[in-house]
Amino acid sequence: MFANRIFRVIVSGLLSTGRAVLFAALLVVALMVPGPLALTQTAAAQNAATDAANGTEGAFPDLSELEPDTVVAVVNGNPINFAQVVYAHALLPGELSSLPLPQILPQVVQLVVEQRLLAEDAVTFGMHDSIEYQAALQFQADRLLQEAYISEMMADAYTEEALEIAYTVYSMQLPVEERVRARHILITPESNDKDDVRAALVLAQDLILELNDGADFATLAEEYSDDETSALDGGDLGFFPRGSMVEPFEEAAFALDLNAFTQEAVTSPFGFHIIEALERKEMKPTLDEVRGELLTQLETQRLSQRLRELREGAEIKTIIEPINPDQ
């Protein structure tokens, strides 16, 4: 709870003043508690200065060799292992959870240490014996085991082959969609300055003139398109349904005749597009497109079945029954 409260404060600072505040706040938090960890931070600062002098500034420790039970700190004789630090890092809110652990390792360790210190202090007041604490502890333990159980159950049950079989049945419920296969050349202005925007538009229109003179679309896409991913494939975007592209692009792509390209550059938030329609067909969403939905449905079905089996084999007695409003 303490770590979460600290990081909520840090996140609010991050949102208001940017990443510089984040690292300043993290450093303040890391140095709040005196003792071995504070000395560790001092050593880390000295190492950072050494790295800067040696031209290796910005290097982070390699954590790949650490085992989950590797002790990273000891608080009043009680060890804190690396697995606890990894777990704490995964629970960080907002942008902090996306920061690599090696980059903020000392700060995360310090948060775990501070949480342990407060927890130990709470024990001296007997707070761990309260009904509320024991109830919360049991509930959280059950929840974590449930999540691990479901995750393992799903991983073992649904291989790629099993998913393909399930998709065959699932796809019968899916609607057939009109799709177009198109390719494009994207010209993105270097900035929002009107001269840069004008230059990008002029280039796009010049490329349309080249296409009208017989230039190869794929060749121009590979050379000029700022969509680097599709440019590697001659600008080909594959098949896509309505609703999957930005509106101006989508309207132009679906309005084109086959093997025709736009005679005016199409403007979108990404820049200026030259679009060519290659194929058109009626088809259902692919497995990759509905993989998440399918897994959710399969998980729900299997979990419901397993819960039925467990309830049938369990002795359950509900002490407090709901009140029947008809009585």
C-alpha atoms as a PDB file:
ATOM      1  CA  MET A   1       0.000   0.000   0.000  1.00  0.00           C
ATOM      2  CA  PHE A   2       2.829   2.396   0.920  1.00  0.00           C
ATOM      3  CA  ALA A   3       4.611   1.747  -2.368  1.00  0.00           C
ATOM      4  CA  ASN A   4       1.400   2.308  -4.291  1.00  0.00           C
ATOM      5  CA  ARG A   5       0.760   5.588  -2.471  1.00  0.00           C
ATOM      6  CA  ILE A   6       4.276   6.823  -3.157  1.00  0.00           C
ATOM      7  CA  PHE A   7       4.031   5.974  -6.824  1.00  0.00           C
ATOM      8  CA  ARG A   8       0.616   7.598  -7.175  1.00  0.00           C
ATOM      9  CA  VAL A   9       2.281  10.817  -6.061  1.00  0.00           C
ATOM     10  CA  ILE A  10       5.115  10.242  -8.524  1.00  0.00           C
ATOM     11  CA  VAL A  11       2.704   9.519 -11.372  1.00  0.00           C
ATOM     12  CA  SER A  12       0.782  12.730 -10.695  1.00  0.00           C
ATOM     13  CA  GLY A  13       4.078  14.609 -10.872  1.00  0.00           C
ATOM     14  CA  LEU A  14       4.981  12.822 -14.076  1.00  0.00           C
ATOM     15  CA  LEU A  15       1.703  13.756 -15.734  1.00  0.00           C
ATOM     16  CA  SER A  16       2.049  17.405 -14.778  1.00  0.00           C
ATOM     17  CA  THR A  17       5.719  18.134 -15.298  1.00  0.00           C
ATOM     18  CA  GLY A  18       7.239  15.344 -17.353  1.00  0.00           C
ATOM     19  CA  ARG A  19       9.790  12.595 -16.937  1.00  0.00           C
ATOM     20  CA  ALA A  20      12.398  14.762 -15.193  1.00  0.00           C
ATOM     21  CA  VAL A  21      10.117  14.952 -12.159  1.00  0.00           C
ATOM     22  CA  LEU A  22       9.770  11.177 -12.230  1.00  0.00           C
ATOM     23  CA  PHE A  23      13.447  10.506 -11.722  1.00  0.00           C
ATOM     24  CA  ALA A  24      13.780  13.305  -9.179  1.00  0.00           C
ATOM     25  CA  ALA A  25      10.879  11.882  -7.201  1.00  0.00           C
ATOM     26  CA  LEU A  26      12.208   8.353  -7.464  1.00  0.00           C
ATOM     27  CA  LEU A  27      15.561   9.518  -6.153  1.00  0.00           C
ATOM     28  CA  VAL A  28      13.934  11.322  -3.213  1.00  0.00           C
ATOM     29  CA  VAL A  29      11.945   8.192  -2.374  1.00  0.00           C
ATOM     30  CA  ALA A  30      15.026   6.004  -2.635  1.00  0.00           C
ATOM     31  CA  LEU A  31      16.975   8.199  -0.218  1.00  0.00           C
ATOM     32  CA  MET A  32      14.199   8.765   2.335  1.00  0.00           C
ATOM     33  CA  VAL A  33      15.236   5.858   4.580  1.00  0.00           C
ATOM     34  CA  PRO A  34      18.777   5.935   6.034  1.00  0.00           C
ATOM     35  CA  GLY A  35      20.898   2.829   6.380  1.00  0.00           C
ATOM     36  CA  PRO A  36      22.316   0.153   4.039  1.00  0.00           C
ATOM     37  CA  LEU A  37      20.037   0.986   1.126  1.00  0.00           C
ATOM     38  CA  ALA A  38      20.930   4.658   1.308  1.00  0.00           C
ATOM     39  CA  LEU A  39      24.569   3.627   1.195  1.00  0.00           C
ATOM     40  CA  THR A  40      23.726   1.450  -1.801  1.00  0.00           C
ATOM     41  CA  GLN A  41      22.295   4.494  -3.530  1.00  0.00           C
ATOM     42  CA  THR A  42      25.460   6.447  -2.762  1.00  0.00           C
ATOM     43  CA  ALA A  43      27.520   3.640  -4.229  1.00  0.00           C
ATOM     44  CA  ALA A  44      25.245   3.606  -7.262  1.00  0.00           C
ATOM     45  CA  ALA A  45      25.799   7.333  -7.712  1.00  0.00           C
ATOM     46  CA  GLN A  46      29.552   6.813  -7.480  1.00  0.00           C
ATOM     47  CA  ASN A  47      29.337   4.022 -10.036  1.00  0.00           C
ATOM     48  CA  ALA A  48      27.315   6.277 -12.322  1.00  0.00           C
ATOM     49  CA  ALA A  49      30.016   8.932 -12.046  1.00  0.00           C
ATOM     50  CA  THR A  50      32.638   6.307 -12.860  1.00  0.00           C
ATOM     51  CA  ASP A  51      30.608   5.142 -15.850  1.00  0.00           C
ATOM     52  CA  ALA A  52      30.356   8.710 -17.097  1.00  0.00           C
ATOM     53  CA  ALA A  53      34.125   9.138 -16.780  1.00  0.00           C
ATOM     54  CA  ASN A  54      34.715   5.884 -18.639  1.00  0.00           C
ATOM     55  CA  GLY A  55      32.206   6.680 -21.376  1.00  0.00           C
ATOM     56  CA  THR A  56      29.796   3.929 -20.301  1.00  0.00           C
ATOM     57  CA  GLU A  57      27.148   6.188 -18.792  1.00  0.00           C
ATOM     58  CA  GLY A  58      23.619   4.817 -19.096  1.00  0.00           C
ATOM     59  CA  ALA A  59      24.603   1.139 -18.790  1.00  0.00           C
ATOM     60  CA  PHE A  60      22.206  -0.865 -16.625  1.00  0.00           C
ATOM     61  CA  PRO A  61      22.943  -4.063 -14.675  1.00  0.00           C
ATOM     62  CA  ASP A  62      22.299  -7.381 -16.390  1.00  0.00           C
ATOM     63  CA  LEU A  63      19.571  -9.083 -14.381  1.00  0.00           C
ATOM     64  CA  SER A  64      19.244 -12.133 -16.614  1.00  0.00           C
ATOM     65  CA  GLU A  65      21.637 -14.145 -14.474  1.00  0.00           C
ATOM     66  CA  LEU A  66      19.714 -13.548 -11.227  1.00  0.00           C
ATOM     67  CA  GLU A  67      17.594 -16.403  -9.888  1.00  0.00           C
ATOM     68  CA  PRO A  68      14.187 -15.654  -8.331  1.00  0.00           C
ATOM     69  CA  ASP A  69      15.529 -16.582  -4.882  1.00  0.00           C
ATOM     70  CA  THR A  70      18.598 -14.337  -5.178  1.00  0.00           C
ATOM     71  CA  VAL A  71      18.694 -12.116  -2.081  1.00  0.00           C
ATOM     72  CA  VAL A  72      18.848  -8.418  -3.044  1.00  0.00           C
ATOM     73  CA  ALA A  73      18.357  -6.870   0.403  1.00  0.00           C
ATOM     74  CA  VAL A  74      17.994  -7.845   4.051  1.00  0.00           C
ATOM     75  CA  VAL A  75      15.732  -5.983   6.458  1.00  0.00           C
ATOM     76  CA  ASN A  76      16.239  -6.693  10.165  1.00  0.00           C
ATOM     77  CA  GLY A  77      17.551 -10.131   9.291  1.00  0.00           C
ATOM     78  CA  ASN A  78      14.681 -10.937   6.896  1.00  0.00           C
ATOM     79  CA  PRO A  79      15.739 -11.388   3.248  1.00  0.00           C
ATOM     80  CA  ILE A  80      14.071  -9.816   0.231  1.00  0.00           C
ATOM     81  CA  ASN A  81      14.608 -11.846  -2.933  1.00  0.00           C
ATOM     82  CA  PHE A  82      14.707 -10.861  -6.581  1.00  0.00           C
ATOM     83  CA  ALA A  83      11.278 -12.408  -7.288  1.00  0.00           C
ATOM     84  CA  GLN A  84       9.678  -9.932  -4.874  1.00  0.00           C
ATOM     85  CA  VAL A  85      11.350  -7.028  -6.673  1.00  0.00           C
ATOM     86  CA  VAL A  86      10.176  -8.312 -10.077  1.00  0.00           C
ATOM     87  CA  TYR A  87       6.636  -8.636  -8.708  1.00  0.00           C
ATOM     88  CA  ALA A  88       6.738  -5.108  -7.272  1.00  0.00           C
ATOM     89  CA  HIS A  89       7.960  -3.751 -10.618  1.00  0.00           C
ATOM     90  CA  ALA A  90       5.047  -5.419 -12.435  1.00  0.00           C
ATOM     91  CA  LEU A  91       2.589  -3.659 -10.109  1.00  0.00           C
ATOM     92  CA  LEU A  92       3.931  -0.159 -10.692  1.00  0.00           C
ATOM     93  CA  PRO A  93       1.235   2.150 -12.089  1.00  0.00           C
ATOM     94  CA  GLY A  94       1.154   4.063 -15.360  1.00  0.00           C
ATOM     95  CA  GLU A  95       4.325   4.703 -17.329  1.00  0.00           C
ATOM     96  CA  LEU A  96       6.489   3.374 -14.512  1.00  0.00           C
ATOM     97  CA  SER A  97       5.560  -0.235 -15.283  1.00  0.00           C
ATOM     98  CA  SER A  98       6.908   0.205 -18.821  1.00  0.00           C
ATOM     99  CA  LEU A  99      10.320   1.369 -17.614  1.00  0.00           C
ATOM    100  CA  PRO A 100      12.897  -1.465 -17.747  1.00  0.00           C
ATOM    101  CA  LEU A 101      13.578  -2.883 -14.312  1.00  0.00           C
ATOM    102  CA  PRO A 102      17.378  -2.463 -14.632  1.00  0.00           C
ATOM    103  CA  GLN A 103      16.810   1.251 -15.180  1.00  0.00           C
ATOM    104  CA  ILE A 104      14.994   1.748 -11.854  1.00  0.00           C
ATOM    105  CA  LEU A 105      16.194  -1.293  -9.923  1.00  0.00           C
ATOM    106  CA  PRO A 106      17.583   0.595  -6.883  1.00  0.00           C
ATOM    107  CA  GLN A 107      14.358   2.574  -6.501  1.00  0.00           C
ATOM    108  CA  VAL A 108      12.142  -0.513  -6.754  1.00  0.00           C
ATOM    109  CA  VAL A 109      14.310  -2.344  -4.218  1.00  0.00           C
ATOM    110  CA  GLN A 110      14.002   0.647  -1.917  1.00  0.00           C
ATOM    111  CA  LEU A 111      10.219   0.623  -2.218  1.00  0.00           C
ATOM    112  CA  VAL A 112      10.090  -3.064  -1.298  1.00  0.00           C
ATOM    113  CA  VAL A 113      12.383  -2.379   1.665  1.00  0.00           C
ATOM    114  CA  GLU A 114      10.187   0.484   2.865  1.00  0.00           C
ATOM    115  CA  GLN A 115       7.073  -1.649   2.540  1.00  0.00           C
ATOM    116  CA  ARG A 116       8.764  -4.364   4.616  1.00  0.00           C
ATOM    117  CA  LEU A 117       9.789  -1.821   7.276  1.00  0.00           C
ATOM    118  CA  LEU A 118       6.243  -0.533   7.634  1.00  0.00           C
ATOM    119  CA  ALA A 119       4.847  -4.074   7.633  1.00  0.00           C
ATOM    120  CA  GLU A 120       7.219  -5.092  10.427  1.00  0.00           C
ATOM    121  CA  ASP A 121       6.248  -2.012  12.400  1.00  0.00           C
ATOM    122  CA  ALA A 122       2.569  -2.894  11.913  1.00  0.00           C
ATOM    123  CA  VAL A 123       3.271  -6.346  13.378  1.00  0.00           C
ATOM    124  CA  THR A 124       4.626  -4.735  16.570  1.00  0.00           C
ATOM    125  CA  PHE A 125       1.186  -3.148  17.005  1.00  0.00           C
ATOM    126  CA  GLY A 126      -0.565  -6.486  16.446  1.00  0.00           C
ATOM    127  CA  MET A 127      -2.259  -5.333  13.249  1.00  0.00           C
ATOM    128  CA  HIS A 128      -1.534  -8.680  11.568  1.00  0.00           C
ATOM    129  CA  ASP A 129      -3.882 -10.382  14.045  1.00  0.00           C
ATOM    130  CA  SER A 130      -6.931  -8.342  13.036  1.00  0.00           C
ATOM    131  CA  ILE A 131      -9.857 -10.068  11.352  1.00  0.00           C
ATOM    132  CA  GLU A 132      -9.731  -7.493   8.541  1.00  0.00           C
ATOM    133  CA  TYR A 133      -6.073  -8.191   7.792  1.00  0.00           C
ATOM    134  CA  GLN A 134      -6.469 -11.962   7.898  1.00  0.00           C
ATOM    135  CA  ALA A 135      -9.513 -11.728   5.607  1.00  0.00           C
ATOM    136  CA  ALA A 136      -7.639  -9.542   3.106  1.00  0.00           C
ATOM    137  CA  LEU A 137      -4.590 -11.825   3.258  1.00  0.00           C
ATOM    138  CA  GLN A 138      -6.660 -14.919   2.544  1.00  0.00           C
ATOM    139  CA  PHE A 139      -8.583 -13.220  -0.247  1.00  0.00           C
ATOM    140  CA  GLN A 140      -5.413 -11.975  -1.978  1.00  0.00           C
ATOM    141  CA  ALA A 141      -3.719 -15.364  -1.599  1.00  0.00           C
ATOM    142  CA  ASP A 142      -6.747 -17.077  -3.145  1.00  0.00           C
ATOM    143  CA  ARG A 143      -6.849 -14.548  -5.971  1.00  0.00           C
ATOM    144  CA  LEU A 144      -3.174 -14.989  -6.845  1.00  0.00           C
ATOM    145  CA  LEU A 145      -3.486 -18.776  -6.832  1.00  0.00           C
ATOM    146  CA  GLN A 146      -6.628 -18.540  -8.963  1.00  0.00           C
ATOM    147  CA  GLU A 147      -4.862 -16.383 -11.560  1.00  0.00           C
ATOM    148  CA  ALA A 148      -1.865 -18.717 -11.682  1.00  0.00           C
ATOM    149  CA  TYR A 149      -4.179 -21.731 -11.937  1.00  0.00           C
ATOM    150  CA  ILE A 150      -6.220 -20.264 -14.803  1.00  0.00           C
ATOM    151  CA  SER A 151      -3.091 -19.154 -16.655  1.00  0.00           C
ATOM    152  CA  GLU A 152      -1.524 -22.614 -16.457  1.00  0.00           C
ATOM    153  CA  MET A 153      -4.795 -24.321 -17.307  1.00  0.00           C
ATOM    154  CA  MET A 154      -5.187 -22.233 -20.459  1.00  0.00           C
ATOM    155  CA  ALA A 155      -1.554 -22.590 -21.526  1.00  0.00           C
ATOM    156  CA  ASP A 156      -1.741 -26.377 -21.328  1.00  0.00           C
ATOM    157  CA  ALA A 157      -5.105 -26.643 -23.050  1.00  0.00           C
ATOM    158  CA  TYR A 158      -4.856 -24.393 -26.064  1.00  0.00           C
ATOM    159  CA  THR A 159      -2.010 -25.055 -28.429  1.00  0.00           C
ATOM    160  CA  GLU A 160      -1.999 -23.413 -31.844  1.00  0.00           C
ATOM    161  CA  GLU A 161      -3.543 -26.547 -33.328  1.00  0.00           C
ATOM    162  CA  ALA A 162      -6.314 -26.532 -30.726  1.00  0.00           C
ATOM    163  CA  LEU A 163      -6.988 -22.858 -31.376  1.00  0.00           C
ATOM    164  CA  GLU A 164      -7.311 -23.485 -35.107  1.00  0.00           C
ATOM    165  CA  ILE A 165      -9.870 -26.213 -34.437  1.00  0.00           C
ATOM    166  CA  ALA A 166     -11.783 -23.963 -32.041  1.00  0.00           C
ATOM    167  CA  TYR A 167     -11.649 -21.122 -34.579  1.00  0.00           C
ATOM    168  CA  THR A 168     -13.368 -23.320 -37.170  1.00  0.00           C
ATOM    169  CA  VAL A 169     -16.382 -23.576 -34.875  1.00  0.00           C
ATOM    170  CA  TYR A 170     -16.146 -19.994 -33.584  1.00  0.00           C
ATOM    171  CA  SER A 171     -15.944 -18.514 -37.090  1.00  0.00           C
ATOM    172  CA  MET A 172     -19.412 -19.874 -37.875  1.00  0.00           C
ATOM    173  CA  GLN A 173     -20.764 -17.148 -35.566  1.00  0.00           C
ATOM    174  CA  LEU A 174     -18.789 -14.388 -37.275  1.00  0.00           C
ATOM    175  CA  PRO A 175     -20.272 -12.182 -40.015  1.00  0.00           C
ATOM    176  CA  VAL A 176     -18.870 -12.046 -43.520  1.00  0.00           C
ATOM    177  CA  GLU A 177     -17.207  -8.681 -44.150  1.00  0.00           C
ATOM    178  CA  GLU A 178     -16.375  -6.751 -47.274  1.00  0.00           C
ATOM    179  CA  ARG A 179     -12.614  -6.331 -47.434  1.00  0.00           C
ATOM    180  CA  VAL A 180     -10.243  -4.635 -49.785  1.00  0.00           C
ATOM    181  CA  ARG A 181      -6.579  -5.352 -50.328  1.00  0.00           C
ATOM    182  CA  ALA A 182      -4.732  -2.125 -50.984  1.00  0.00           C
ATOM    183  CA  ARG A 183      -1.255  -0.696 -51.075  1.00  0.00           C
ATOM    184  CA  HIS A 184      -0.172   2.845 -50.430  1.00  0.00           C
ATOM    185  CA  ILE A 185       2.654   5.324 -50.502  1.00  0.00           C
ATOM    186  CA  LEU A 186       2.722   7.571 -47.433  1.00  0.00           C
ATOM    187  CA  ILE A 187       4.444  10.947 -47.537  1.00  0.00           C
ATOM    188  CA  THR A 188       4.720  12.462 -44.069  1.00  0.00           C
ATOM    189  CA  PRO A 189       5.656  16.154 -43.676  1.00  0.00           C
ATOM    190  CA  GLU A 190       8.839  16.739 -41.699  1.00  0.00           C
ATOM    191  CA  SER A 191       6.926  19.150 -39.455  1.00  0.00           C
ATOM    192  CA  ASN A 192       3.638  21.038 -39.246  1.00  0.00           C
ATOM    193  CA  ASP A 193       5.265  24.058 -40.788  1.00  0.00           C
ATOM    194  CA  LYS A 194       3.283  25.087 -43.858  1.00  0.00           C
ATOM    195  CA  ASP A 195       6.357  24.879 -46.105  1.00  0.00           C
ATOM    196  CA  ASP A 196       7.057  21.285 -44.994  1.00  0.00           C
ATOM    197  CA  VAL A 197       3.401  20.341 -45.463  1.00  0.00           C
ATOM    198  CA  ARG A 198       3.379  21.912 -48.926  1.00  0.00           C
ATOM    199  CA  ALA A 199       6.596  20.095 -49.877  1.00  0.00           C
ATOM    200  CA  ALA A 200       5.135  16.739 -48.818  1.00  0.00           C
ATOM    201  CA  LEU A 201       1.959  17.367 -50.805  1.00  0.00           C
ATOM    202  CA  VAL A 202       3.927  18.377 -53.892  1.00  0.00           C
ATOM    203  CA  LEU A 203       6.014  15.202 -53.651  1.00  0.00           C
ATOM    204  CA  ALA A 204       2.885  13.063 -53.353  1.00  0.00           C
ATOM    205  CA  GLN A 205       1.321  14.709 -56.414  1.00  0.00           C
ATOM    206  CA  ASP A 206       4.582  14.290 -58.355  1.00  0.00           C
ATOM    207  CA  LEU A 207       4.556  10.583 -57.561  1.00  0.00           C
ATOM    208  CA  ILE A 208       0.987  10.335 -58.873  1.00  0.00           C
ATOM    209  CA  LEU A 209       2.192  11.893 -62.127  1.00  0.00           C
ATOM    210  CA  GLU A 210       4.967   9.284 -62.304  1.00  0.00           C
ATOM    211  CA  LEU A 211       2.442   6.499 -61.761  1.00  0.00           C
ATOM    212  CA  ASN A 212       0.288   7.884 -64.553  1.00  0.00           C
ATOM    213  CA  ASP A 213       3.375   7.815 -66.780  1.00  0.00           C
ATOM    214  CA  GLY A 214       3.818   4.103 -66.067  1.00  0.00           C
ATOM    215  CA  ALA A 215       6.084   4.025 -63.000  1.00  0.00           C
ATOM    216  CA  ASP A 216       5.925   0.885 -60.851  1.00  0.00           C
ATOM    217  CA  PHE A 217       3.887   1.452 -57.667  1.00  0.00           C
ATOM    218  CA  ALA A 218       5.869  -1.021 -55.523  1.00  0.00           C
ATOM    219  CA  THR A 219       9.179   0.514 -56.573  1.00  0.00           C
ATOM    220  CA  LEU A 220       8.027   4.020 -55.643  1.00  0.00           C
ATOM    221  CA  ALA A 221       6.640   2.749 -52.324  1.00  0.00           C
ATOM    222  CA  GLU A 222       9.942   1.127 -51.431  1.00  0.00           C
ATOM    223  CA  GLU A 223      11.824   4.321 -52.269  1.00  0.00           C
ATOM    224  CA  TYR A 224       9.541   7.065 -50.961  1.00  0.00           C
ATOM    225  CA  SER A 225       6.941   5.733 -48.521  1.00  0.00           C
ATOM    226  CA  ASP A 226       7.296   6.792 -44.890  1.00  0.00           C
ATOM    227  CA  ASP A 227       5.323   3.733 -43.796  1.00  0.00           C
ATOM    228  CA  GLU A 228       8.479   1.687 -43.419  1.00  0.00           C
ATOM    229  CA  THR A 229       6.717  -1.582 -42.594  1.00  0.00           C
ATOM    230  CA  SER A 230       4.525  -1.736 -45.685  1.00  0.00           C
ATOM    231  CA  ALA A 231       7.228  -0.149 -47.862  1.00  0.00           C
ATOM    232  CA  LEU A 232       9.270  -3.333 -47.483  1.00  0.00           C
ATOM    233  CA  ASP A 233       6.407  -5.118 -49.251  1.00  0.00           C
ATOM    234  CA  GLY A 234       5.854  -2.516 -51.955  1.00  0.00           C
ATOM    235  CA  GLY A 235       3.289  -0.655 -49.861  1.00  0.00           C
ATOM    236  CA  ASP A 236       0.982  -3.693 -49.574  1.00  0.00           C
ATOM    237  CA  LEU A 237      -1.325  -3.509 -46.531  1.00  0.00           C
ATOM    238  CA  GLY A 238      -3.109  -6.790 -47.146  1.00  0.00           C
ATOM    239  CA  PHE A 239      -6.881  -7.176 -46.764  1.00  0.00           C
ATOM    240  CA  PHE A 240      -8.684  -4.971 -44.255  1.00  0.00           C
ATOM    241  CA  PRO A 241     -12.372  -4.408 -43.381  1.00  0.00           C
ATOM    242  CA  ARG A 242     -14.242  -1.185 -42.856  1.00  0.00           C
ATOM    243  CA  GLY A 243     -13.524   0.410 -39.532  1.00  0.00           C
ATOM    244  CA  SER A 244      -9.887  -0.669 -39.332  1.00  0.00           C
ATOM    245  CA  MET A 245      -8.275   2.358 -41.013  1.00  0.00           C
ATOM    246  CA  VAL A 246      -8.586   6.107 -40.483  1.00  0.00           C
ATOM    247  CA  GLU A 247     -11.721   7.397 -42.187  1.00  0.00           C
ATOM    248  CA  PRO A 248     -10.288   9.382 -45.143  1.00  0.00           C
ATOM    249  CA  PHE A 249      -7.997   6.494 -46.077  1.00  0.00           C
ATOM    250  CA  GLU A 250     -10.758   3.912 -45.723  1.00  0.00           C
ATOM    251  CA  GLU A 251     -13.274   5.899 -47.801  1.00  0.00           C
ATOM    252  CA  ALA A 252     -10.792   6.321 -50.616  1.00  0.00           C
ATOM    253  CA  ALA A 253      -9.673   2.673 -50.579  1.00  0.00           C
ATOM    254  CA  PHE A 254     -13.203   1.240 -50.717  1.00  0.00           C
ATOM    255  CA  ALA A 255     -14.293   3.729 -53.401  1.00  0.00           C
ATOM    256  CA  LEU A 256     -11.518   2.797 -55.845  1.00  0.00           C
ATOM    257  CA  ASP A 257     -11.990   0.451 -58.781  1.00  0.00           C
ATOM    258  CA  LEU A 258      -9.646  -2.521 -58.827  1.00  0.00           C
ATOM    259  CA  ASN A 259      -6.124  -1.719 -60.029  1.00  0.00           C
ATOM    260  CA  ALA A 260      -6.897   2.005 -59.881  1.00  0.00           C
ATOM    261  CA  PHE A 261      -5.048   4.473 -57.667  1.00  0.00           C
ATOM    262  CA  THR A 262      -6.061   7.823 -56.234  1.00  0.00           C
ATOM    263  CA  GLN A 263      -5.482  10.767 -58.562  1.00  0.00           C
ATOM    264  CA  GLU A 264      -5.277  13.173 -55.640  1.00  0.00           C
ATOM    265  CA  ALA A 265      -3.287  12.624 -52.479  1.00  0.00           C
ATOM    266  CA  VAL A 266      -5.519  11.507 -49.593  1.00  0.00           C
ATOM    267  CA  THR A 267      -4.936  13.487 -46.409  1.00  0.00           C
ATOM    268  CA  SER A 268      -4.932  11.756 -43.020  1.00  0.00           C
ATOM    269  CA  PRO A 269      -3.373  12.493 -39.622  1.00  0.00           C
ATOM    270  CA  PHE A 270      -0.326  10.540 -40.830  1.00  0.00           C
ATOM    271  CA  GLY A 271       0.301  12.629 -43.926  1.00  0.00           C
ATOM    272  CA  PHE A 272      -0.530  12.210 -47.625  1.00  0.00           C
ATOM    273  CA  HIS A 273      -1.423   8.829 -49.122  1.00  0.00           C
ATOM    274  CA  ILE A 274      -1.432   7.491 -52.644  1.00  0.00           C
ATOM    275  CA  ILE A 275      -3.681   4.411 -52.545  1.00  0.00           C
ATOM    276  CA  GLU A 276      -4.197   1.599 -55.034  1.00  0.00           C
ATOM    277  CA  ALA A 277      -6.926  -1.061 -54.716  1.00  0.00           C
ATOM    278  CA  LEU A 278      -5.621  -4.530 -55.616  1.00  0.00           C
ATOM    279  CA  GLU A 279      -8.352  -7.009 -54.657  1.00  0.00           C
ATOM    280  CA  ARG A 280     -11.793  -7.077 -53.105  1.00  0.00           C
ATOM    281  CA  LYS A 281     -13.541  -9.988 -51.420  1.00  0.00           C
ATOM    282  CA  GLU A 282     -16.117 -11.061 -48.866  1.00  0.00           C
ATOM    283  CA  MET A 283     -14.441 -12.856 -45.954  1.00  0.00           C
ATOM    284  CA  LYS A 284     -14.624 -13.533 -42.253  1.00  0.00           C
ATOM    285  CA  PRO A 285     -12.129 -12.245 -39.670  1.00  0.00           C
ATOM    286  CA  THR A 286      -8.999 -14.377 -39.480  1.00  0.00           C
ATOM    287  CA  LEU A 287      -7.824 -16.324 -36.441  1.00  0.00           C
ATOM    288  CA  ASP A 288      -5.166 -13.724 -35.658  1.00  0.00           C
ATOM    289  CA  GLU A 289      -7.770 -10.954 -35.708  1.00  0.00           C
ATOM    290  CA  VAL A 290     -10.090 -12.673 -33.230  1.00  0.00           C
ATOM    291  CA  ARG A 291      -7.479 -14.563 -31.212  1.00  0.00           C
ATOM    292  CA  GLY A 292      -8.074 -12.480 -28.072  1.00  0.00           C
ATOM    293  CA  GLU A 293     -11.877 -12.832 -28.255  1.00  0.00           C
ATOM    294  CA  LEU A 294     -11.591 -16.554 -28.915  1.00  0.00           C
ATOM    295  CA  LEU A 295      -9.226 -17.143 -26.008  1.00  0.00           C
ATOM    296  CA  THR A 296     -11.551 -15.200 -23.688  1.00  0.00           C
ATOM    297  CA  GLN A 297     -14.524 -17.297 -24.783  1.00  0.00           C
ATOM    298  CA  LEU A 298     -12.619 -20.558 -24.404  1.00  0.00           C
ATOM    299  CA  GLU A 299     -11.300 -19.518 -21.007  1.00  0.00           C
ATOM    300  CA  THR A 300     -14.806 -18.635 -19.828  1.00  0.00           C
ATOM    301  CA  GLN A 301     -16.213 -21.936 -21.064  1.00  0.00           C
ATOM    302  CA  ARG A 302     -13.483 -24.070 -19.559  1.00  0.00           C
ATOM    303  CA  LEU A 303     -13.487 -22.185 -16.266  1.00  0.00           C
ATOM    304  CA  SER A 304     -17.274 -22.540 -15.969  1.00  0.00           C
ATOM    305  CA  GLN A 305     -16.998 -26.265 -16.635  1.00  0.00           C
ATOM    306  CA  ARG A 306     -14.216 -26.693 -14.074  1.00  0.00           C
ATOM    307  CA  LEU A 307     -16.146 -24.694 -11.466  1.00  0.00           C
ATOM    308  CA  ARG A 308     -19.190 -26.932 -11.990  1.00  0.00           C
ATOM    309  CA  GLU A 309     -17.004 -30.002 -11.433  1.00  0.00           C
ATOM    310  CA  LEU A 310     -15.432 -28.512  -8.310  1.00  0.00           C
ATOM    311  CA  ARG A 311     -18.774 -27.449  -6.833  1.00  0.00           C
ATOM    312  CA  GLU A 312     -20.216 -30.923  -7.436  1.00  0.00           C
ATOM    313  CA  GLY A 313     -17.306 -32.500  -5.560  1.00  0.00           C
ATOM    314  CA  ALA A 314     -17.158 -29.961  -2.748  1.00  0.00           C
ATOM    315  CA  GLU A 315     -19.055 -29.624   0.510  1.00  0.00           C
ATOM    316  CA  ILE A 316     -20.330 -26.045   0.556  1.00  0.00           C
ATOM    317  CA  LYS A 317     -22.518 -24.598   3.287  1.00  0.00           C
ATOM    318  CA  THR A 318     -23.659 -20.989   3.013  1.00  0.00           C
ATOM    319  CA  ILE A 319     -24.386 -19.674   6.504  1.00  0.00           C
ATOM    320  CA  ILE A 320     -26.000 -16.381   5.525  1.00  0.00           C
ATOM    321  CA  GLU A 321     -28.644 -16.851   2.842  1.00  0.00           C
ATOM    322  CA  PRO A 322     -30.001 -13.978   0.698  1.00  0.00           C
ATOM    323  CA  ILE A 323     -33.357 -12.589   1.746  1.00  0.00           C
ATOM    324  CA  ASN A 324     -36.264 -13.617  -0.474  1.00  0.00           C
ATOM    325  CA  PRO A 325     -38.291 -10.424  -1.121  1.00  0.00           C
ATOM    326  CA  ASP A 326     -41.451 -12.542  -1.761  1.00  0.00           C
ATOM    327  CA  GLN A 327     -41.489 -13.865   1.780  1.00  0.00           C
END
